[in-house]
Amino acid sequence: MDTGRRWQSLAASLLAVVSLLALSACKSTAPPAGAQGYVGSGACRECHDRIYASWQGTVHAMVIQDVSKNAQAIQGDWTQPFEHRKFEKKDVRFIHGVQWKQRYIGEKWQVYPAQWDFEANRWAGYNVDKGGTADWRKSCASCHVVGFDPATLTWTEPSVGCEACHGPGERHVNAKPEERFGTIVNPAKLPFDYTASV
């Protein structure tokens, strides 16, 4: 292969890589798993970065965490014995709660029958009669995720993100800047009873 062809080949490869990077930076209009029209809080960050940054430190943002991404999310004193805690720290896949109480969820979304009580600084029973068979997706997810789809038990985003209060954001994100007004719910501008419901 001569030098000219090698440069052409290298240039074509470089162009392909740059094109892929540019495409990956574009917003996807197709909603991820979960109910239609939800885009996730990350899509809101592009225009509302200050609000997004302050939300990240809230209880809402941290209510559900995948412990494979943050092992420090698991709280509780695992040296403290408790009759209903028949699971180990290593069995926990997700945590639910970072204030008041923390519940523990296994690989198959089963809610374990022991929770950590932050105020009392001790273990307490939770759904003890179900003995770790309660399915978090069926019992809890609808209030603690964004874009929950009860038919498929999937959601767009874990925890309580922007669209939990503002509704699906796909129309808002995809609208031209001058046409965005009225494409998203602003709870502050709703009648009081609706605002209270949100």
C-alpha atoms as a PDB file:
ATOM      1  CA  MET A   1       0.000   0.000   0.000  1.00  0.00           C
ATOM      2  CA  ASP A   2       1.487   3.375  -0.992  1.00  0.00           C
ATOM      3  CA  THR A   3       1.726   6.358   1.345  1.00  0.00           C
ATOM      4  CA  GLY A   4      -1.204   8.190  -0.305  1.00  0.00           C
ATOM      5  CA  ARG A   5      -3.586   5.266   0.185  1.00  0.00           C
ATOM      6  CA  ARG A   6      -2.436   4.785   3.758  1.00  0.00           C
ATOM      7  CA  TRP A   7      -3.211   8.443   4.521  1.00  0.00           C
ATOM      8  CA  GLN A   8      -6.629   8.104   2.845  1.00  0.00           C
ATOM      9  CA  SER A   9      -7.359   4.986   4.907  1.00  0.00           C
ATOM     10  CA  LEU A  10      -6.223   6.689   8.115  1.00  0.00           C
ATOM     11  CA  ALA A  11      -8.290   9.788   7.304  1.00  0.00           C
ATOM     12  CA  ALA A  12     -11.377   7.648   6.608  1.00  0.00           C
ATOM     13  CA  SER A  13     -10.911   5.776   9.911  1.00  0.00           C
ATOM     14  CA  LEU A  14     -10.463   9.032  11.801  1.00  0.00           C
ATOM     15  CA  LEU A  15     -13.594  10.488  10.171  1.00  0.00           C
ATOM     16  CA  ALA A  16     -15.568   7.379  11.179  1.00  0.00           C
ATOM     17  CA  VAL A  17     -14.418   7.685  14.813  1.00  0.00           C
ATOM     18  CA  VAL A  18     -15.229  11.420  14.941  1.00  0.00           C
ATOM     19  CA  SER A  19     -18.668  10.739  13.404  1.00  0.00           C
ATOM     20  CA  LEU A  20     -19.416   8.047  16.000  1.00  0.00           C
ATOM     21  CA  LEU A  21     -18.380  10.374  18.816  1.00  0.00           C
ATOM     22  CA  ALA A  22     -20.575  13.156  17.425  1.00  0.00           C
ATOM     23  CA  LEU A  23     -23.543  10.801  17.106  1.00  0.00           C
ATOM     24  CA  SER A  24     -23.090   9.511  20.651  1.00  0.00           C
ATOM     25  CA  ALA A  25     -23.172  13.101  21.942  1.00  0.00           C
ATOM     26  CA  CYS A  26     -26.555  13.747  20.286  1.00  0.00           C
ATOM     27  CA  LYS A  27     -29.712  13.406  22.314  1.00  0.00           C
ATOM     28  CA  SER A  28     -31.722  10.313  21.573  1.00  0.00           C
ATOM     29  CA  THR A  29     -35.387  10.962  20.926  1.00  0.00           C
ATOM     30  CA  ALA A  30     -36.330   7.349  21.593  1.00  0.00           C
ATOM     31  CA  PRO A  31     -37.321   6.858  25.232  1.00  0.00           C
ATOM     32  CA  PRO A  32     -35.428   4.173  27.145  1.00  0.00           C
ATOM     33  CA  ALA A  33     -37.175   1.290  28.918  1.00  0.00           C
ATOM     34  CA  GLY A  34     -40.175   2.372  30.924  1.00  0.00           C
ATOM     35  CA  ALA A  35     -43.207   4.464  30.092  1.00  0.00           C
ATOM     36  CA  GLN A  36     -43.243   6.448  26.859  1.00  0.00           C
ATOM     37  CA  GLY A  37     -42.091  10.057  26.754  1.00  0.00           C
ATOM     38  CA  TYR A  38     -39.626  10.008  29.655  1.00  0.00           C
ATOM     39  CA  VAL A  39     -36.007  10.960  28.992  1.00  0.00           C
ATOM     40  CA  GLY A  40     -34.360  10.889  32.448  1.00  0.00           C
ATOM     41  CA  SER A  41     -32.870  13.679  34.547  1.00  0.00           C
ATOM     42  CA  GLY A  42     -29.609  13.592  32.599  1.00  0.00           C
ATOM     43  CA  ALA A  43     -31.448  15.139  29.630  1.00  0.00           C
ATOM     44  CA  CYS A  44     -32.570  18.035  31.853  1.00  0.00           C
ATOM     45  CA  ARG A  45     -29.010  18.746  32.947  1.00  0.00           C
ATOM     46  CA  GLU A  46     -28.072  20.206  29.574  1.00  0.00           C
ATOM     47  CA  CYS A  47     -30.179  23.332  30.144  1.00  0.00           C
ATOM     48  CA  HIS A  48     -30.753  23.211  33.901  1.00  0.00           C
ATOM     49  CA  ASP A  49     -27.316  22.280  35.212  1.00  0.00           C
ATOM     50  CA  ARG A  50     -27.532  24.330  38.441  1.00  0.00           C
ATOM     51  CA  ILE A  51     -30.864  22.772  39.415  1.00  0.00           C
ATOM     52  CA  TYR A  52     -29.613  19.324  38.397  1.00  0.00           C
ATOM     53  CA  ALA A  53     -26.502  19.740  40.586  1.00  0.00           C
ATOM     54  CA  SER A  54     -28.571  20.750  43.628  1.00  0.00           C
ATOM     55  CA  TRP A  55     -31.023  17.856  43.038  1.00  0.00           C
ATOM     56  CA  GLN A  56     -28.169  15.300  43.017  1.00  0.00           C
ATOM     57  CA  GLY A  57     -27.543  15.865  46.727  1.00  0.00           C
ATOM     58  CA  THR A  58     -31.170  15.336  47.731  1.00  0.00           C
ATOM     59  CA  VAL A  59     -32.883  12.354  49.337  1.00  0.00           C
ATOM     60  CA  HIS A  60     -34.995  12.050  46.174  1.00  0.00           C
ATOM     61  CA  ALA A  61     -31.945  11.605  43.958  1.00  0.00           C
ATOM     62  CA  MET A  62     -30.406   8.968  46.226  1.00  0.00           C
ATOM     63  CA  VAL A  63     -33.466   6.987  47.352  1.00  0.00           C
ATOM     64  CA  ILE A  64     -32.630   3.959  45.171  1.00  0.00           C
ATOM     65  CA  GLN A  65     -29.016   3.013  44.574  1.00  0.00           C
ATOM     66  CA  ASP A  66     -27.314   0.160  42.813  1.00  0.00           C
ATOM     67  CA  VAL A  67     -24.650  -0.968  45.278  1.00  0.00           C
ATOM     68  CA  SER A  68     -22.435  -2.291  42.489  1.00  0.00           C
ATOM     69  CA  LYS A  69     -21.967   1.397  41.572  1.00  0.00           C
ATOM     70  CA  ASN A  70     -21.750   2.676  45.143  1.00  0.00           C
ATOM     71  CA  ALA A  71     -20.905   0.099  47.806  1.00  0.00           C
ATOM     72  CA  GLN A  72     -20.814   2.859  50.469  1.00  0.00           C
ATOM     73  CA  ALA A  73     -24.564   3.312  50.003  1.00  0.00           C
ATOM     74  CA  ILE A  74     -25.156   0.272  52.223  1.00  0.00           C
ATOM     75  CA  GLN A  75     -25.539   1.536  55.780  1.00  0.00           C
ATOM     76  CA  GLY A  76     -26.419  -0.266  58.974  1.00  0.00           C
ATOM     77  CA  ASP A  77     -24.338  -2.001  61.576  1.00  0.00           C
ATOM     78  CA  TRP A  78     -23.783  -5.471  60.150  1.00  0.00           C
ATOM     79  CA  THR A  79     -22.112  -6.611  63.371  1.00  0.00           C
ATOM     80  CA  GLN A  80     -25.355  -6.019  65.274  1.00  0.00           C
ATOM     81  CA  PRO A  81     -27.390  -9.265  65.429  1.00  0.00           C
ATOM     82  CA  PHE A  82     -31.038  -9.244  64.398  1.00  0.00           C
ATOM     83  CA  GLU A  83     -33.341 -12.248  64.161  1.00  0.00           C
ATOM     84  CA  HIS A  84     -34.953 -11.270  60.847  1.00  0.00           C
ATOM     85  CA  ARG A  85     -31.726 -10.380  59.079  1.00  0.00           C
ATOM     86  CA  LYS A  86     -30.985 -13.743  57.523  1.00  0.00           C
ATOM     87  CA  PHE A  87     -29.199 -12.123  54.578  1.00  0.00           C
ATOM     88  CA  GLU A  88     -25.648 -10.857  54.348  1.00  0.00           C
ATOM     89  CA  LYS A  89     -24.303  -7.552  53.136  1.00  0.00           C
ATOM     90  CA  LYS A  90     -23.018  -9.349  50.033  1.00  0.00           C
ATOM     91  CA  ASP A  91     -26.619 -10.355  49.157  1.00  0.00           C
ATOM     92  CA  VAL A  92     -27.727  -6.729  48.805  1.00  0.00           C
ATOM     93  CA  ARG A  93     -28.017  -5.504  45.207  1.00  0.00           C
ATOM     94  CA  PHE A  94     -29.965  -2.259  45.773  1.00  0.00           C
ATOM     95  CA  ILE A  95     -30.694  -0.024  48.736  1.00  0.00           C
ATOM     96  CA  HIS A  96     -33.915   1.910  49.235  1.00  0.00           C
ATOM     97  CA  GLY A  97     -33.558   4.920  51.521  1.00  0.00           C
ATOM     98  CA  VAL A  98     -30.768   7.100  52.872  1.00  0.00           C
ATOM     99  CA  GLN A  99     -32.655   8.859  55.660  1.00  0.00           C
ATOM    100  CA  TRP A 100     -34.915   7.521  58.425  1.00  0.00           C
ATOM    101  CA  LYS A 101     -34.807   3.876  57.245  1.00  0.00           C
ATOM    102  CA  GLN A 102     -32.894   1.846  54.701  1.00  0.00           C
ATOM    103  CA  ARG A 103     -34.334  -1.261  53.067  1.00  0.00           C
ATOM    104  CA  TYR A 104     -32.344  -3.885  51.265  1.00  0.00           C
ATOM    105  CA  ILE A 105     -33.183  -5.470  47.928  1.00  0.00           C
ATOM    106  CA  GLY A 106     -31.722  -8.639  46.449  1.00  0.00           C
ATOM    107  CA  GLU A 107     -30.740  -9.650  42.916  1.00  0.00           C
ATOM    108  CA  LYS A 108     -34.302 -10.707  42.013  1.00  0.00           C
ATOM    109  CA  TRP A 109     -35.850  -7.520  43.442  1.00  0.00           C
ATOM    110  CA  GLN A 110     -36.940  -9.260  46.660  1.00  0.00           C
ATOM    111  CA  VAL A 111     -37.201  -6.909  49.634  1.00  0.00           C
ATOM    112  CA  TYR A 112     -35.426  -8.444  52.615  1.00  0.00           C
ATOM    113  CA  PRO A 113     -37.363  -8.549  55.921  1.00  0.00           C
ATOM    114  CA  ALA A 114     -34.922  -6.367  57.875  1.00  0.00           C
ATOM    115  CA  GLN A 115     -34.264  -2.655  57.553  1.00  0.00           C
ATOM    116  CA  TRP A 116     -31.808  -0.290  59.180  1.00  0.00           C
ATOM    117  CA  ASP A 117     -33.442   2.407  61.342  1.00  0.00           C
ATOM    118  CA  PHE A 118     -31.163   5.470  61.259  1.00  0.00           C
ATOM    119  CA  GLU A 119     -32.927   7.280  64.135  1.00  0.00           C
ATOM    120  CA  ALA A 120     -32.870   4.340  66.539  1.00  0.00           C
ATOM    121  CA  ASN A 121     -29.492   3.155  65.204  1.00  0.00           C
ATOM    122  CA  ARG A 122     -30.673  -0.444  65.111  1.00  0.00           C
ATOM    123  CA  TRP A 123     -32.266  -3.100  62.906  1.00  0.00           C
ATOM    124  CA  ALA A 124     -36.052  -3.375  62.612  1.00  0.00           C
ATOM    125  CA  GLY A 125     -38.380  -5.772  60.861  1.00  0.00           C
ATOM    126  CA  TYR A 126     -39.906  -4.970  57.493  1.00  0.00           C
ATOM    127  CA  ASN A 127     -42.546  -7.133  55.797  1.00  0.00           C
ATOM    128  CA  VAL A 128     -41.474  -9.921  58.136  1.00  0.00           C
ATOM    129  CA  ASP A 129     -44.604 -11.936  57.294  1.00  0.00           C
ATOM    130  CA  LYS A 130     -43.465 -12.038  53.647  1.00  0.00           C
ATOM    131  CA  GLY A 131     -40.014 -13.280  54.656  1.00  0.00           C
ATOM    132  CA  GLY A 132     -38.109 -11.612  51.827  1.00  0.00           C
ATOM    133  CA  THR A 133     -40.524 -12.555  49.057  1.00  0.00           C
ATOM    134  CA  ALA A 134     -42.068  -9.104  48.440  1.00  0.00           C
ATOM    135  CA  ASP A 135     -41.158  -7.881  44.945  1.00  0.00           C
ATOM    136  CA  TRP A 136     -39.915  -4.284  45.162  1.00  0.00           C
ATOM    137  CA  ARG A 137     -40.963  -3.617  41.560  1.00  0.00           C
ATOM    138  CA  LYS A 138     -44.589  -4.488  42.348  1.00  0.00           C
ATOM    139  CA  SER A 139     -44.767  -3.019  45.865  1.00  0.00           C
ATOM    140  CA  CYS A 140     -42.611   0.109  45.797  1.00  0.00           C
ATOM    141  CA  ALA A 141     -41.324   1.110  42.364  1.00  0.00           C
ATOM    142  CA  SER A 142     -44.308   3.139  41.171  1.00  0.00           C
ATOM    143  CA  CYS A 143     -43.601   5.872  43.757  1.00  0.00           C
ATOM    144  CA  HIS A 144     -39.810   5.712  43.807  1.00  0.00           C
ATOM    145  CA  VAL A 145     -38.765   5.715  40.153  1.00  0.00           C
ATOM    146  CA  VAL A 146     -39.450   7.855  37.092  1.00  0.00           C
ATOM    147  CA  GLY A 147     -41.442   6.589  34.130  1.00  0.00           C
ATOM    148  CA  PHE A 148     -42.687   3.386  35.715  1.00  0.00           C
ATOM    149  CA  ASP A 149     -44.437   0.989  33.348  1.00  0.00           C
ATOM    150  CA  PRO A 150     -46.551  -1.468  35.390  1.00  0.00           C
ATOM    151  CA  ALA A 151     -47.030  -3.777  32.387  1.00  0.00           C
ATOM    152  CA  THR A 152     -43.305  -4.469  32.023  1.00  0.00           C
ATOM    153  CA  LEU A 153     -42.118  -3.541  35.547  1.00  0.00           C
ATOM    154  CA  THR A 154     -39.497  -1.254  34.009  1.00  0.00           C
ATOM    155  CA  TRP A 155     -38.703   2.428  34.443  1.00  0.00           C
ATOM    156  CA  THR A 156     -36.718   5.169  32.823  1.00  0.00           C
ATOM    157  CA  GLU A 157     -34.755   6.264  35.869  1.00  0.00           C
ATOM    158  CA  PRO A 158     -34.290   4.930  39.395  1.00  0.00           C
ATOM    159  CA  SER A 159     -35.033   7.306  42.274  1.00  0.00           C
ATOM    160  CA  VAL A 160     -37.220  10.413  42.147  1.00  0.00           C
ATOM    161  CA  GLY A 161     -35.896  12.500  39.277  1.00  0.00           C
ATOM    162  CA  CYS A 162     -37.027  15.668  37.517  1.00  0.00           C
ATOM    163  CA  GLU A 163     -39.871  14.052  35.591  1.00  0.00           C
ATOM    164  CA  ALA A 164     -41.471  12.660  38.749  1.00  0.00           C
ATOM    165  CA  CYS A 165     -42.820  16.198  39.328  1.00  0.00           C
ATOM    166  CA  HIS A 166     -42.551  17.754  35.865  1.00  0.00           C
ATOM    167  CA  GLY A 167     -43.978  14.870  33.837  1.00  0.00           C
ATOM    168  CA  PRO A 168     -42.519  13.252  30.713  1.00  0.00           C
ATOM    169  CA  GLY A 169     -39.856  15.517  29.202  1.00  0.00           C
ATOM    170  CA  GLU A 170     -39.509  14.176  25.665  1.00  0.00           C
ATOM    171  CA  ARG A 171     -41.631  16.925  24.038  1.00  0.00           C
ATOM    172  CA  HIS A 172     -39.810  19.602  26.045  1.00  0.00           C
ATOM    173  CA  VAL A 173     -36.335  18.307  25.210  1.00  0.00           C
ATOM    174  CA  ASN A 174     -37.094  17.930  21.505  1.00  0.00           C
ATOM    175  CA  ALA A 175     -38.882  21.278  21.070  1.00  0.00           C
ATOM    176  CA  LYS A 176     -37.084  24.276  19.591  1.00  0.00           C
ATOM    177  CA  PRO A 177     -36.034  26.670  22.397  1.00  0.00           C
ATOM    178  CA  GLU A 178     -38.651  29.245  21.409  1.00  0.00           C
ATOM    179  CA  GLU A 179     -41.389  26.561  21.446  1.00  0.00           C
ATOM    180  CA  ARG A 180     -40.592  24.934  24.811  1.00  0.00           C
ATOM    181  CA  PHE A 181     -43.040  26.988  26.882  1.00  0.00           C
ATOM    182  CA  GLY A 182     -46.011  24.801  27.766  1.00  0.00           C
ATOM    183  CA  THR A 183     -44.288  21.517  26.866  1.00  0.00           C
ATOM    184  CA  ILE A 184     -43.508  20.540  30.470  1.00  0.00           C
ATOM    185  CA  VAL A 185     -45.426  20.692  33.761  1.00  0.00           C
ATOM    186  CA  ASN A 186     -44.388  23.418  36.187  1.00  0.00           C
ATOM    187  CA  PRO A 187     -45.964  22.438  39.541  1.00  0.00           C
ATOM    188  CA  ALA A 188     -45.526  26.003  40.862  1.00  0.00           C
ATOM    189  CA  LYS A 189     -47.949  27.272  38.232  1.00  0.00           C
ATOM    190  CA  LEU A 190     -50.649  24.683  38.846  1.00  0.00           C
ATOM    191  CA  PRO A 191     -53.754  25.243  41.014  1.00  0.00           C
ATOM    192  CA  PHE A 192     -52.975  24.556  44.684  1.00  0.00           C
ATOM    193  CA  ASP A 193     -54.709  21.153  44.875  1.00  0.00           C
ATOM    194  CA  TYR A 194     -52.803  19.906  41.812  1.00  0.00           C
ATOM    195  CA  THR A 195     -49.529  21.255  43.182  1.00  0.00           C
ATOM    196  CA  ALA A 196     -50.171  19.463  46.476  1.00  0.00           C
ATOM    197  CA  SER A 197     -50.855  16.219  44.575  1.00  0.00           C
ATOM    198  CA  VAL A 198     -47.587  16.529  42.658  1.00  0.00           C
END
